[in-house]
Amino acid sequence: MGSFTYIAPDGTVRRLEVPDGTSAMQAAIANGVAGIVAECGGSQMCATCHVYVADEWLNKLAPMQATEDAMLDTAASERKPNSRLSCQIVMSPELDGLVVHVPERQV
């Protein structure tokens, strides 16, 4: 069990306790985090779970795969160096406390 913290564009902070193996997208949807749409349900077929990962966490994430990279090019909000799909961020002991910023829009 660990926690993900979501920061909304208006600065609102939501911290969620989630079991290992749960993606940041799954946790957000299950707990009604505003701004995470997840139209494809986590299959990397859209970019509606786009987040900006806090810089201090970037080197702890699994490397980005080609499919995620391509989907991020279609994101509604600006793609940044710290952009990731939250469906590809999976809770593990190493990611306990991870902080993500939710973009202004997903669609």
PDB file of N, CA and C in Angstrom:
ATOM      1  N   MET A   1       0.855  -1.176   0.000  1.00  0.00           N
ATOM      2  CA  MET A   1       0.000   0.000   0.000  1.00  0.00           C
ATOM      3  C   MET A   1       0.895   1.231   0.000  1.00  0.00           C
ATOM      4  N   GLY A   2       0.489   2.219  -0.785  1.00  0.00           N
ATOM      5  CA  GLY A   2       1.227   3.472  -0.856  1.00  0.00           C
ATOM      6  C   GLY A   2       0.270   4.602  -1.159  1.00  0.00           C
ATOM      7  N   SER A   3       0.813   5.754  -1.495  1.00  0.00           N
ATOM      8  CA  SER A   3      -0.057   6.890  -1.790  1.00  0.00           C
ATOM      9  C   SER A   3       0.374   7.602  -3.069  1.00  0.00           C
ATOM     10  N   PHE A   4      -0.635   8.098  -3.768  1.00  0.00           N
ATOM     11  CA  PHE A   4      -0.447   9.002  -4.898  1.00  0.00           C
ATOM     12  C   PHE A   4      -1.054  10.333  -4.477  1.00  0.00           C
ATOM     13  N   THR A   5      -0.429  11.427  -4.862  1.00  0.00           N
ATOM     14  CA  THR A   5      -0.971  12.759  -4.618  1.00  0.00           C
ATOM     15  C   THR A   5      -1.228  13.421  -5.955  1.00  0.00           C
ATOM     16  N   TYR A   6      -2.452  13.937  -6.116  1.00  0.00           N
ATOM     17  CA  TYR A   6      -2.892  14.605  -7.339  1.00  0.00           C
ATOM     18  C   TYR A   6      -3.087  16.072  -7.023  1.00  0.00           C
ATOM     19  N   ILE A   7      -2.497  16.932  -7.834  1.00  0.00           N
ATOM     20  CA  ILE A   7      -2.661  18.371  -7.661  1.00  0.00           C
ATOM     21  C   ILE A   7      -3.414  18.900  -8.867  1.00  0.00           C
ATOM     22  N   ALA A   8      -4.588  19.462  -8.604  1.00  0.00           N
ATOM     23  CA  ALA A   8      -5.451  20.002  -9.658  1.00  0.00           C
ATOM     24  C   ALA A   8      -4.897  21.331 -10.155  1.00  0.00           C
ATOM     25  N   PRO A   9      -5.336  21.762 -11.335  1.00  0.00           N
ATOM     26  CA  PRO A   9      -4.870  23.054 -11.867  1.00  0.00           C
ATOM     27  C   PRO A   9      -5.122  24.231 -10.915  1.00  0.00           C
ATOM     28  N   ASP A  10      -6.160  24.136 -10.083  1.00  0.00           N
ATOM     29  CA  ASP A  10      -6.449  25.230  -9.140  1.00  0.00           C
ATOM     30  C   ASP A  10      -5.672  25.100  -7.834  1.00  0.00           C
ATOM     31  N   GLY A  11      -4.814  24.086  -7.735  1.00  0.00           N
ATOM     32  CA  GLY A  11      -3.993  23.892  -6.549  1.00  0.00           C
ATOM     33  C   GLY A  11      -4.575  22.946  -5.513  1.00  0.00           C
ATOM     34  N   THR A  12      -5.799  22.464  -5.726  1.00  0.00           N
ATOM     35  CA  THR A  12      -6.409  21.514  -4.809  1.00  0.00           C
ATOM     36  C   THR A  12      -5.596  20.222  -4.784  1.00  0.00           C
ATOM     37  N   VAL A  13      -5.338  19.711  -3.593  1.00  0.00           N
ATOM     38  CA  VAL A  13      -4.515  18.514  -3.425  1.00  0.00           C
ATOM     39  C   VAL A  13      -5.384  17.360  -2.932  1.00  0.00           C
ATOM     40  N   ARG A  14      -5.253  16.203  -3.598  1.00  0.00           N
ATOM     41  CA  ARG A  14      -5.914  14.961  -3.160  1.00  0.00           C
ATOM     42  C   ARG A  14      -4.850  13.901  -2.981  1.00  0.00           C
ATOM     43  N   ARG A  15      -4.785  13.326  -1.795  1.00  0.00           N
ATOM     44  CA  ARG A  15      -3.837  12.234  -1.510  1.00  0.00           C
ATOM     45  C   ARG A  15      -4.659  10.967  -1.335  1.00  0.00           C
ATOM     46  N   LEU A  16      -4.303   9.930  -2.082  1.00  0.00           N
ATOM     47  CA  LEU A  16      -5.038   8.674  -2.048  1.00  0.00           C
ATOM     48  C   LEU A  16      -4.134   7.528  -1.636  1.00  0.00           C
ATOM     49  N   GLU A  17      -4.600   6.716  -0.712  1.00  0.00           N
ATOM     50  CA  GLU A  17      -3.918   5.477  -0.355  1.00  0.00           C
ATOM     51  C   GLU A  17      -4.379   4.409  -1.338  1.00  0.00           C
ATOM     52  N   VAL A  18      -3.436   3.733  -1.975  1.00  0.00           N
ATOM     53  CA  VAL A  18      -3.786   2.730  -2.981  1.00  0.00           C
ATOM     54  C   VAL A  18      -2.924   1.482  -2.821  1.00  0.00           C
ATOM     55  N   PRO A  19      -3.494   0.323  -3.146  1.00  0.00           N
ATOM     56  CA  PRO A  19      -2.719  -0.916  -3.059  1.00  0.00           C
ATOM     57  C   PRO A  19      -1.648  -0.996  -4.148  1.00  0.00           C
ATOM     58  N   ASP A  20      -0.579  -1.710  -3.858  1.00  0.00           N
ATOM     59  CA  ASP A  20       0.435  -1.979  -4.874  1.00  0.00           C
ATOM     60  C   ASP A  20      -0.239  -2.619  -6.079  1.00  0.00           C
ATOM     61  N   GLY A  21       0.242  -2.278  -7.278  1.00  0.00           N
ATOM     62  CA  GLY A  21      -0.314  -2.823  -8.511  1.00  0.00           C
ATOM     63  C   GLY A  21      -1.434  -1.998  -9.102  1.00  0.00           C
ATOM     64  N   THR A  22      -1.879  -0.970  -8.406  1.00  0.00           N
ATOM     65  CA  THR A  22      -2.950  -0.088  -8.890  1.00  0.00           C
ATOM     66  C   THR A  22      -2.329   1.080  -9.637  1.00  0.00           C
ATOM     67  N   SER A  23      -2.849   1.379 -10.820  1.00  0.00           N
ATOM     68  CA  SER A  23      -2.297   2.506 -11.575  1.00  0.00           C
ATOM     69  C   SER A  23      -2.824   3.829 -11.004  1.00  0.00           C
ATOM     70  N   ALA A  24      -2.093   4.883 -11.274  1.00  0.00           N
ATOM     71  CA  ALA A  24      -2.533   6.216 -10.853  1.00  0.00           C
ATOM     72  C   ALA A  24      -3.855   6.578 -11.519  1.00  0.00           C
ATOM     73  N   MET A  25      -4.104   6.089 -12.732  1.00  0.00           N
ATOM     74  CA  MET A  25      -5.377   6.309 -13.418  1.00  0.00           C
ATOM     75  C   MET A  25      -6.499   5.568 -12.711  1.00  0.00           C
ATOM     76  N   GLN A  26      -6.297   4.283 -12.388  1.00  0.00           N
ATOM     77  CA  GLN A  26      -7.326   3.496 -11.710  1.00  0.00           C
ATOM     78  C   GLN A  26      -7.695   4.129 -10.366  1.00  0.00           C
ATOM     79  N   ALA A  27      -6.701   4.547  -9.615  1.00  0.00           N
ATOM     80  CA  ALA A  27      -6.950   5.167  -8.313  1.00  0.00           C
ATOM     81  C   ALA A  27      -7.737   6.463  -8.473  1.00  0.00           C
ATOM     82  N   ALA A  28      -7.374   7.259  -9.477  1.00  0.00           N
ATOM     83  CA  ALA A  28      -8.068   8.535  -9.705  1.00  0.00           C
ATOM     84  C   ALA A  28      -9.531   8.312 -10.076  1.00  0.00           C
ATOM     85  N   ILE A  29      -9.784   7.381 -10.975  1.00  0.00           N
ATOM     86  CA  ILE A  29     -11.157   7.101 -11.407  1.00  0.00           C
ATOM     87  C   ILE A  29     -11.987   6.549 -10.244  1.00  0.00           C
ATOM     88  N   ALA A  30     -11.439   5.609  -9.499  1.00  0.00           N
ATOM     89  CA  ALA A  30     -12.159   4.991  -8.383  1.00  0.00           C
ATOM     90  C   ALA A  30     -12.496   5.983  -7.281  1.00  0.00           C
ATOM     91  N   ASN A  31     -11.720   7.076  -7.206  1.00  0.00           N
ATOM     92  CA  ASN A  31     -11.912   8.048  -6.136  1.00  0.00           C
ATOM     93  C   ASN A  31     -12.392   9.408  -6.617  1.00  0.00           C
ATOM     94  N   GLY A  32     -12.820   9.484  -7.867  1.00  0.00           N
ATOM     95  CA  GLY A  32     -13.411  10.712  -8.392  1.00  0.00           C
ATOM     96  C   GLY A  32     -12.475  11.905  -8.479  1.00  0.00           C
ATOM     97  N   VAL A  33     -11.222  11.663  -8.818  1.00  0.00           N
ATOM     98  CA  VAL A  33     -10.281  12.777  -8.989  1.00  0.00           C
ATOM     99  C   VAL A  33     -10.660  13.526 -10.257  1.00  0.00           C
ATOM    100  N   ALA A  34     -11.014  14.778 -10.100  1.00  0.00           N
ATOM    101  CA  ALA A  34     -11.406  15.612 -11.244  1.00  0.00           C
ATOM    102  C   ALA A  34     -10.236  15.773 -12.196  1.00  0.00           C
ATOM    103  N   GLY A  35     -10.546  15.695 -13.500  1.00  0.00           N
ATOM    104  CA  GLY A  35      -9.536  15.945 -14.515  1.00  0.00           C
ATOM    105  C   GLY A  35      -8.902  14.698 -15.102  1.00  0.00           C
ATOM    106  N   ILE A  36      -9.151  13.536 -14.529  1.00  0.00           N
ATOM    107  CA  ILE A  36      -8.675  12.282 -15.110  1.00  0.00           C
ATOM    108  C   ILE A  36      -9.896  11.624 -15.761  1.00  0.00           C
ATOM    109  N   VAL A  37      -9.910  11.582 -17.084  1.00  0.00           N
ATOM    110  CA  VAL A  37     -11.074  11.099 -17.826  1.00  0.00           C
ATOM    111  C   VAL A  37     -10.969   9.604 -18.121  1.00  0.00           C
ATOM    112  N   ALA A  38      -9.822   9.168 -18.622  1.00  0.00           N
ATOM    113  CA  ALA A  38      -9.542   7.754 -18.889  1.00  0.00           C
ATOM    114  C   ALA A  38     -10.560   7.115 -19.826  1.00  0.00           C
ATOM    115  N   GLU A  39     -10.763   7.727 -20.971  1.00  0.00           N
ATOM    116  CA  GLU A  39     -11.743   7.219 -21.945  1.00  0.00           C
ATOM    117  C   GLU A  39     -11.473   5.785 -22.376  1.00  0.00           C
ATOM    118  N   CYS A  40     -10.211   5.384 -22.493  1.00  0.00           N
ATOM    119  CA  CYS A  40      -9.909   4.036 -22.988  1.00  0.00           C
ATOM    120  C   CYS A  40      -9.765   3.020 -21.868  1.00  0.00           C
ATOM    121  N   GLY A  41      -9.895   3.438 -20.636  1.00  0.00           N
ATOM    122  CA  GLY A  41      -9.832   2.509 -19.517  1.00  0.00           C
ATOM    123  C   GLY A  41      -8.444   1.998 -19.183  1.00  0.00           C
ATOM    124  N   GLY A  42      -7.429   2.631 -19.687  1.00  0.00           N
ATOM    125  CA  GLY A  42      -6.066   2.248 -19.332  1.00  0.00           C
ATOM    126  C   GLY A  42      -5.346   1.397 -20.352  1.00  0.00           C
ATOM    127  N   SER A  43      -5.808   1.399 -21.598  1.00  0.00           N
ATOM    128  CA  SER A  43      -5.173   0.561 -22.619  1.00  0.00           C
ATOM    129  C   SER A  43      -4.251   1.344 -23.556  1.00  0.00           C
ATOM    130  N   GLN A  44      -3.846   2.544 -23.158  1.00  0.00           N
ATOM    131  CA  GLN A  44      -2.940   3.393 -23.944  1.00  0.00           C
ATOM    132  C   GLN A  44      -3.489   3.719 -25.328  1.00  0.00           C
ATOM    133  N   MET A  45      -4.796   3.873 -25.439  1.00  0.00           N
ATOM    134  CA  MET A  45      -5.422   4.188 -26.721  1.00  0.00           C
ATOM    135  C   MET A  45      -5.919   5.632 -26.766  1.00  0.00           C
ATOM    136  N   CYS A  46      -5.648   6.402 -25.732  1.00  0.00           N
ATOM    137  CA  CYS A  46      -6.028   7.817 -25.696  1.00  0.00           C
ATOM    138  C   CYS A  46      -5.018   8.521 -24.794  1.00  0.00           C
ATOM    139  N   ALA A  47      -5.197   9.785 -24.615  1.00  0.00           N
ATOM    140  CA  ALA A  47      -4.306  10.512 -23.705  1.00  0.00           C
ATOM    141  C   ALA A  47      -5.123  11.269 -22.666  1.00  0.00           C
ATOM    142  N   THR A  48      -6.282  10.717 -22.301  1.00  0.00           N
ATOM    143  CA  THR A  48      -7.174  11.418 -21.380  1.00  0.00           C
ATOM    144  C   THR A  48      -6.892  11.109 -19.908  1.00  0.00           C
ATOM    145  N   CYS A  49      -5.749  10.494 -19.649  1.00  0.00           N
ATOM    146  CA  CYS A  49      -5.291  10.325 -18.270  1.00  0.00           C
ATOM    147  C   CYS A  49      -3.899  10.961 -18.114  1.00  0.00           C
ATOM    148  N   HIS A  50      -3.603  11.880 -19.004  1.00  0.00           N
ATOM    149  CA  HIS A  50      -2.334  12.612 -19.031  1.00  0.00           C
ATOM    150  C   HIS A  50      -2.107  13.320 -17.699  1.00  0.00           C
ATOM    151  N   VAL A  51      -0.895  13.237 -17.179  1.00  0.00           N
ATOM    152  CA  VAL A  51      -0.500  13.968 -15.973  1.00  0.00           C
ATOM    153  C   VAL A  51       0.916  14.496 -16.149  1.00  0.00           C
ATOM    154  N   TYR A  52       1.253  15.452 -15.304  1.00  0.00           N
ATOM    155  CA  TYR A  52       2.621  15.955 -15.213  1.00  0.00           C
ATOM    156  C   TYR A  52       3.205  15.421 -13.910  1.00  0.00           C
ATOM    157  N   VAL A  53       4.239  14.610 -14.012  1.00  0.00           N
ATOM    158  CA  VAL A  53       4.862  14.003 -12.840  1.00  0.00           C
ATOM    159  C   VAL A  53       5.824  15.014 -12.221  1.00  0.00           C
ATOM    160  N   ALA A  54       5.742  15.152 -10.897  1.00  0.00           N
ATOM    161  CA  ALA A  54       6.679  16.039 -10.198  1.00  0.00           C
ATOM    162  C   ALA A  54       8.102  15.592 -10.524  1.00  0.00           C
ATOM    163  N   ASP A  55       8.946  16.560 -10.840  1.00  0.00           N
ATOM    164  CA  ASP A  55      10.291  16.272 -11.338  1.00  0.00           C
ATOM    165  C   ASP A  55      11.087  15.302 -10.473  1.00  0.00           C
ATOM    166  N   GLU A  56      10.953  15.394  -9.162  1.00  0.00           N
ATOM    167  CA  GLU A  56      11.749  14.537  -8.288  1.00  0.00           C
ATOM    168  C   GLU A  56      11.367  13.056  -8.381  1.00  0.00           C
ATOM    169  N   TRP A  57      10.260  12.743  -9.056  1.00  0.00           N
ATOM    170  CA  TRP A  57       9.804  11.363  -9.202  1.00  0.00           C
ATOM    171  C   TRP A  57      10.123  10.771 -10.581  1.00  0.00           C
ATOM    172  N   LEU A  58      10.493  11.571 -11.530  1.00  0.00           N
ATOM    173  CA  LEU A  58      10.659  11.096 -12.904  1.00  0.00           C
ATOM    174  C   LEU A  58      11.633   9.927 -13.035  1.00  0.00           C
ATOM    175  N   ASN A  59      12.744   9.986 -12.357  1.00  0.00           N
ATOM    176  CA  ASN A  59      13.752   8.931 -12.498  1.00  0.00           C
ATOM    177  C   ASN A  59      13.356   7.630 -11.799  1.00  0.00           C
ATOM    178  N   LYS A  60      12.245   7.626 -11.064  1.00  0.00           N
ATOM    179  CA  LYS A  60      11.779   6.419 -10.384  1.00  0.00           C
ATOM    180  C   LYS A  60      10.741   5.654 -11.208  1.00  0.00           C
ATOM    181  N   LEU A  61      10.256   6.276 -12.292  1.00  0.00           N
ATOM    182  CA  LEU A  61       9.242   5.641 -13.135  1.00  0.00           C
ATOM    183  C   LEU A  61       9.876   4.666 -14.110  1.00  0.00           C
ATOM    184  N   ALA A  62       9.084   3.678 -14.513  1.00  0.00           N
ATOM    185  CA  ALA A  62       9.530   2.778 -15.578  1.00  0.00           C
ATOM    186  C   ALA A  62       9.716   3.606 -16.848  1.00  0.00           C
ATOM    187  N   PRO A  63      10.646   3.219 -17.704  1.00  0.00           N
ATOM    188  CA  PRO A  63      10.848   3.973 -18.942  1.00  0.00           C
ATOM    189  C   PRO A  63       9.568   4.010 -19.787  1.00  0.00           C
ATOM    190  N   MET A  64       9.396   5.111 -20.492  1.00  0.00           N
ATOM    191  CA  MET A  64       8.243   5.273 -21.363  1.00  0.00           C
ATOM    192  C   MET A  64       8.400   4.378 -22.593  1.00  0.00           C
ATOM    193  N   GLN A  65       7.336   3.676 -22.924  1.00  0.00           N
ATOM    194  CA  GLN A  65       7.311   2.833 -24.107  1.00  0.00           C
ATOM    195  C   GLN A  65       6.823   3.645 -25.315  1.00  0.00           C
ATOM    196  N   ALA A  66       7.027   3.134 -26.511  1.00  0.00           N
ATOM    197  CA  ALA A  66       6.683   3.846 -27.749  1.00  0.00           C
ATOM    198  C   ALA A  66       5.196   4.181 -27.841  1.00  0.00           C
ATOM    199  N   THR A  67       4.327   3.285 -27.397  1.00  0.00           N
ATOM    200  CA  THR A  67       2.883   3.540 -27.484  1.00  0.00           C
ATOM    201  C   THR A  67       2.489   4.731 -26.609  1.00  0.00           C
ATOM    202  N   GLU A  68       3.002   4.775 -25.381  1.00  0.00           N
ATOM    203  CA  GLU A  68       2.715   5.902 -24.492  1.00  0.00           C
ATOM    204  C   GLU A  68       3.257   7.195 -25.085  1.00  0.00           C
ATOM    205  N   ASP A  69       4.459   7.147 -25.608  1.00  0.00           N
ATOM    206  CA  ASP A  69       5.076   8.319 -26.222  1.00  0.00           C
ATOM    207  C   ASP A  69       4.205   8.862 -27.352  1.00  0.00           C
ATOM    208  N   ALA A  70       3.706   7.979 -28.203  1.00  0.00           N
ATOM    209  CA  ALA A  70       2.843   8.392 -29.319  1.00  0.00           C
ATOM    210  C   ALA A  70       1.530   8.982 -28.826  1.00  0.00           C
ATOM    211  N   MET A  71       0.937   8.381 -27.809  1.00  0.00           N
ATOM    212  CA  MET A  71      -0.336   8.884 -27.280  1.00  0.00           C
ATOM    213  C   MET A  71      -0.171  10.262 -26.666  1.00  0.00           C
ATOM    214  N   LEU A  72       0.939  10.508 -26.012  1.00  0.00           N
ATOM    215  CA  LEU A  72       1.161  11.822 -25.397  1.00  0.00           C
ATOM    216  C   LEU A  72       1.216  12.937 -26.434  1.00  0.00           C
ATOM    217  N   ASP A  73       1.587  12.597 -27.667  1.00  0.00           N
ATOM    218  CA  ASP A  73       1.582  13.599 -28.742  1.00  0.00           C
ATOM    219  C   ASP A  73       0.164  14.053 -29.084  1.00  0.00           C
ATOM    220  N   THR A  74      -0.842  13.288 -28.662  1.00  0.00           N
ATOM    221  CA  THR A  74      -2.236  13.641 -28.951  1.00  0.00           C
ATOM    222  C   THR A  74      -2.940  14.279 -27.757  1.00  0.00           C
ATOM    223  N   ALA A  75      -2.225  14.513 -26.669  1.00  0.00           N
ATOM    224  CA  ALA A  75      -2.834  15.072 -25.455  1.00  0.00           C
ATOM    225  C   ALA A  75      -3.438  16.446 -25.723  1.00  0.00           C
ATOM    226  N   ALA A  76      -4.560  16.722 -25.058  1.00  0.00           N
ATOM    227  CA  ALA A  76      -5.259  17.998 -25.227  1.00  0.00           C
ATOM    228  C   ALA A  76      -4.485  19.159 -24.606  1.00  0.00           C
ATOM    229  N   SER A  77      -3.809  18.911 -23.492  1.00  0.00           N
ATOM    230  CA  SER A  77      -2.976  19.930 -22.854  1.00  0.00           C
ATOM    231  C   SER A  77      -1.534  19.772 -23.324  1.00  0.00           C
ATOM    232  N   GLU A  78      -0.773  20.811 -23.166  1.00  0.00           N
ATOM    233  CA  GLU A  78       0.613  20.833 -23.628  1.00  0.00           C
ATOM    234  C   GLU A  78       1.403  19.630 -23.113  1.00  0.00           C
ATOM    235  N   ARG A  79       2.117  18.993 -24.022  1.00  0.00           N
ATOM    236  CA  ARG A  79       3.040  17.930 -23.617  1.00  0.00           C
ATOM    237  C   ARG A  79       4.308  18.595 -23.102  1.00  0.00           C
ATOM    238  N   LYS A  80       4.770  18.121 -21.949  1.00  0.00           N
ATOM    239  CA  LYS A  80       5.976  18.643 -21.321  1.00  0.00           C
ATOM    240  C   LYS A  80       6.949  17.484 -21.092  1.00  0.00           C
ATOM    241  N   PRO A  81       8.205  17.792 -20.745  1.00  0.00           N
ATOM    242  CA  PRO A  81       9.171  16.713 -20.492  1.00  0.00           C
ATOM    243  C   PRO A  81       8.738  15.750 -19.383  1.00  0.00           C
ATOM    244  N   ASN A  82       7.883  16.215 -18.463  1.00  0.00           N
ATOM    245  CA  ASN A  82       7.426  15.361 -17.367  1.00  0.00           C
ATOM    246  C   ASN A  82       6.030  14.789 -17.597  1.00  0.00           C
ATOM    247  N   SER A  83       5.543  14.838 -18.841  1.00  0.00           N
ATOM    248  CA  SER A  83       4.238  14.271 -19.176  1.00  0.00           C
ATOM    249  C   SER A  83       4.304  12.747 -19.185  1.00  0.00           C
ATOM    250  N   ARG A  84       3.296  12.135 -18.606  1.00  0.00           N
ATOM    251  CA  ARG A  84       3.127  10.683 -18.640  1.00  0.00           C
ATOM    252  C   ARG A  84       1.635  10.372 -18.659  1.00  0.00           C
ATOM    253  N   LEU A  85       1.306   9.152 -19.071  1.00  0.00           N
ATOM    254  CA  LEU A  85      -0.066   8.673 -18.957  1.00  0.00           C
ATOM    255  C   LEU A  85      -0.185   8.014 -17.586  1.00  0.00           C
ATOM    256  N   SER A  86      -1.194   8.427 -16.815  1.00  0.00           N
ATOM    257  CA  SER A  86      -1.322   7.890 -15.457  1.00  0.00           C
ATOM    258  C   SER A  86      -1.678   6.411 -15.453  1.00  0.00           C
ATOM    259  N   CYS A  87      -2.185   5.890 -16.570  1.00  0.00           N
ATOM    260  CA  CYS A  87      -2.468   4.447 -16.650  1.00  0.00           C
ATOM    261  C   CYS A  87      -1.185   3.628 -16.675  1.00  0.00           C
ATOM    262  N   GLN A  88      -0.053   4.257 -16.941  1.00  0.00           N
ATOM    263  CA  GLN A  88       1.221   3.558 -17.023  1.00  0.00           C
ATOM    264  C   GLN A  88       2.076   3.730 -15.771  1.00  0.00           C
ATOM    265  N   ILE A  89       1.526   4.412 -14.778  1.00  0.00           N
ATOM    266  CA  ILE A  89       2.222   4.614 -13.502  1.00  0.00           C
ATOM    267  C   ILE A  89       1.561   3.691 -12.488  1.00  0.00           C
ATOM    268  N   VAL A  90       2.275   2.664 -12.069  1.00  0.00           N
ATOM    269  CA  VAL A  90       1.697   1.628 -11.214  1.00  0.00           C
ATOM    270  C   VAL A  90       2.343   1.672  -9.832  1.00  0.00           C
ATOM    271  N   MET A  91       1.486   1.696  -8.804  1.00  0.00           N
ATOM    272  CA  MET A  91       1.975   1.780  -7.426  1.00  0.00           C
ATOM    273  C   MET A  91       2.882   0.604  -7.093  1.00  0.00           C
ATOM    274  N   SER A  92       4.006   0.958  -6.493  1.00  0.00           N
ATOM    275  CA  SER A  92       4.973  -0.005  -5.968  1.00  0.00           C
ATOM    276  C   SER A  92       5.628   0.680  -4.772  1.00  0.00           C
ATOM    277  N   PRO A  93       6.349  -0.044  -3.941  1.00  0.00           N
ATOM    278  CA  PRO A  93       6.993   0.611  -2.804  1.00  0.00           C
ATOM    279  C   PRO A  93       7.877   1.790  -3.217  1.00  0.00           C
ATOM    280  N   GLU A  94       8.502   1.699  -4.391  1.00  0.00           N
ATOM    281  CA  GLU A  94       9.377   2.784  -4.863  1.00  0.00           C
ATOM    282  C   GLU A  94       8.599   4.055  -5.215  1.00  0.00           C
ATOM    283  N   LEU A  95       7.320   3.912  -5.530  1.00  0.00           N
ATOM    284  CA  LEU A  95       6.519   5.075  -5.940  1.00  0.00           C
ATOM    285  C   LEU A  95       5.611   5.597  -4.841  1.00  0.00           C
ATOM    286  N   ASP A  96       5.727   5.057  -3.635  1.00  0.00           N
ATOM    287  CA  ASP A  96       4.923   5.545  -2.518  1.00  0.00           C
ATOM    288  C   ASP A  96       5.198   7.031  -2.294  1.00  0.00           C
ATOM    289  N   GLY A  97       4.150   7.842  -2.419  1.00  0.00           N
ATOM    290  CA  GLY A  97       4.274   9.286  -2.239  1.00  0.00           C
ATOM    291  C   GLY A  97       4.350  10.070  -3.536  1.00  0.00           C
ATOM    292  N   LEU A  98       4.316   9.382  -4.672  1.00  0.00           N
ATOM    293  CA  LEU A  98       4.421  10.042  -5.977  1.00  0.00           C
ATOM    294  C   LEU A  98       3.419  11.187  -6.111  1.00  0.00           C
ATOM    295  N   VAL A  99       3.865  12.290  -6.684  1.00  0.00           N
ATOM    296  CA  VAL A  99       3.032  13.476  -6.887  1.00  0.00           C
ATOM    297  C   VAL A  99       2.872  13.734  -8.379  1.00  0.00           C
ATOM    298  N   VAL A 100       1.614  13.916  -8.797  1.00  0.00           N
ATOM    299  CA  VAL A 100       1.326  14.283 -10.183  1.00  0.00           C
ATOM    300  C   VAL A 100       0.447  15.521 -10.211  1.00  0.00           C
ATOM    301  N   HIS A 101       0.616  16.309 -11.260  1.00  0.00           N
ATOM    302  CA  HIS A 101      -0.220  17.487 -11.504  1.00  0.00           C
ATOM    303  C   HIS A 101      -1.161  17.151 -12.652  1.00  0.00           C
ATOM    304  N   VAL A 102      -2.445  17.425 -12.449  1.00  0.00           N
ATOM    305  CA  VAL A 102      -3.452  17.161 -13.467  1.00  0.00           C
ATOM    306  C   VAL A 102      -3.506  18.364 -14.417  1.00  0.00           C
ATOM    307  N   PRO A 103      -3.450  18.136 -15.732  1.00  0.00           N
ATOM    308  CA  PRO A 103      -3.495  19.247 -16.679  1.00  0.00           C
ATOM    309  C   PRO A 103      -4.864  19.966 -16.656  1.00  0.00           C
ATOM    310  N   GLU A 104      -4.895  21.125 -17.277  1.00  0.00           N
ATOM    311  CA  GLU A 104      -6.135  21.912 -17.325  1.00  0.00           C
ATOM    312  C   GLU A 104      -7.251  21.214 -18.066  1.00  0.00           C
ATOM    313  N   ARG A 105      -6.906  20.449 -19.110  1.00  0.00           N
ATOM    314  CA  ARG A 105      -7.959  19.736 -19.847  1.00  0.00           C
ATOM    315  C   ARG A 105      -7.405  18.451 -20.419  1.00  0.00           C
ATOM    316  N   GLN A 106      -8.313  17.503 -20.639  1.00  0.00           N
ATOM    317  CA  GLN A 106      -7.946  16.201 -21.204  1.00  0.00           C
ATOM    318  C   GLN A 106      -8.583  15.975 -22.568  1.00  0.00           C
ATOM    319  N   VAL A 107      -9.661  16.643 -22.851  1.00  0.00           N
ATOM    320  CA  VAL A 107     -10.353  16.461 -24.128  1.00  0.00           C
ATOM    321  C   VAL A 107     -10.588  17.798 -24.787  1.00  0.00           C
TER     322      VAL A 107
END
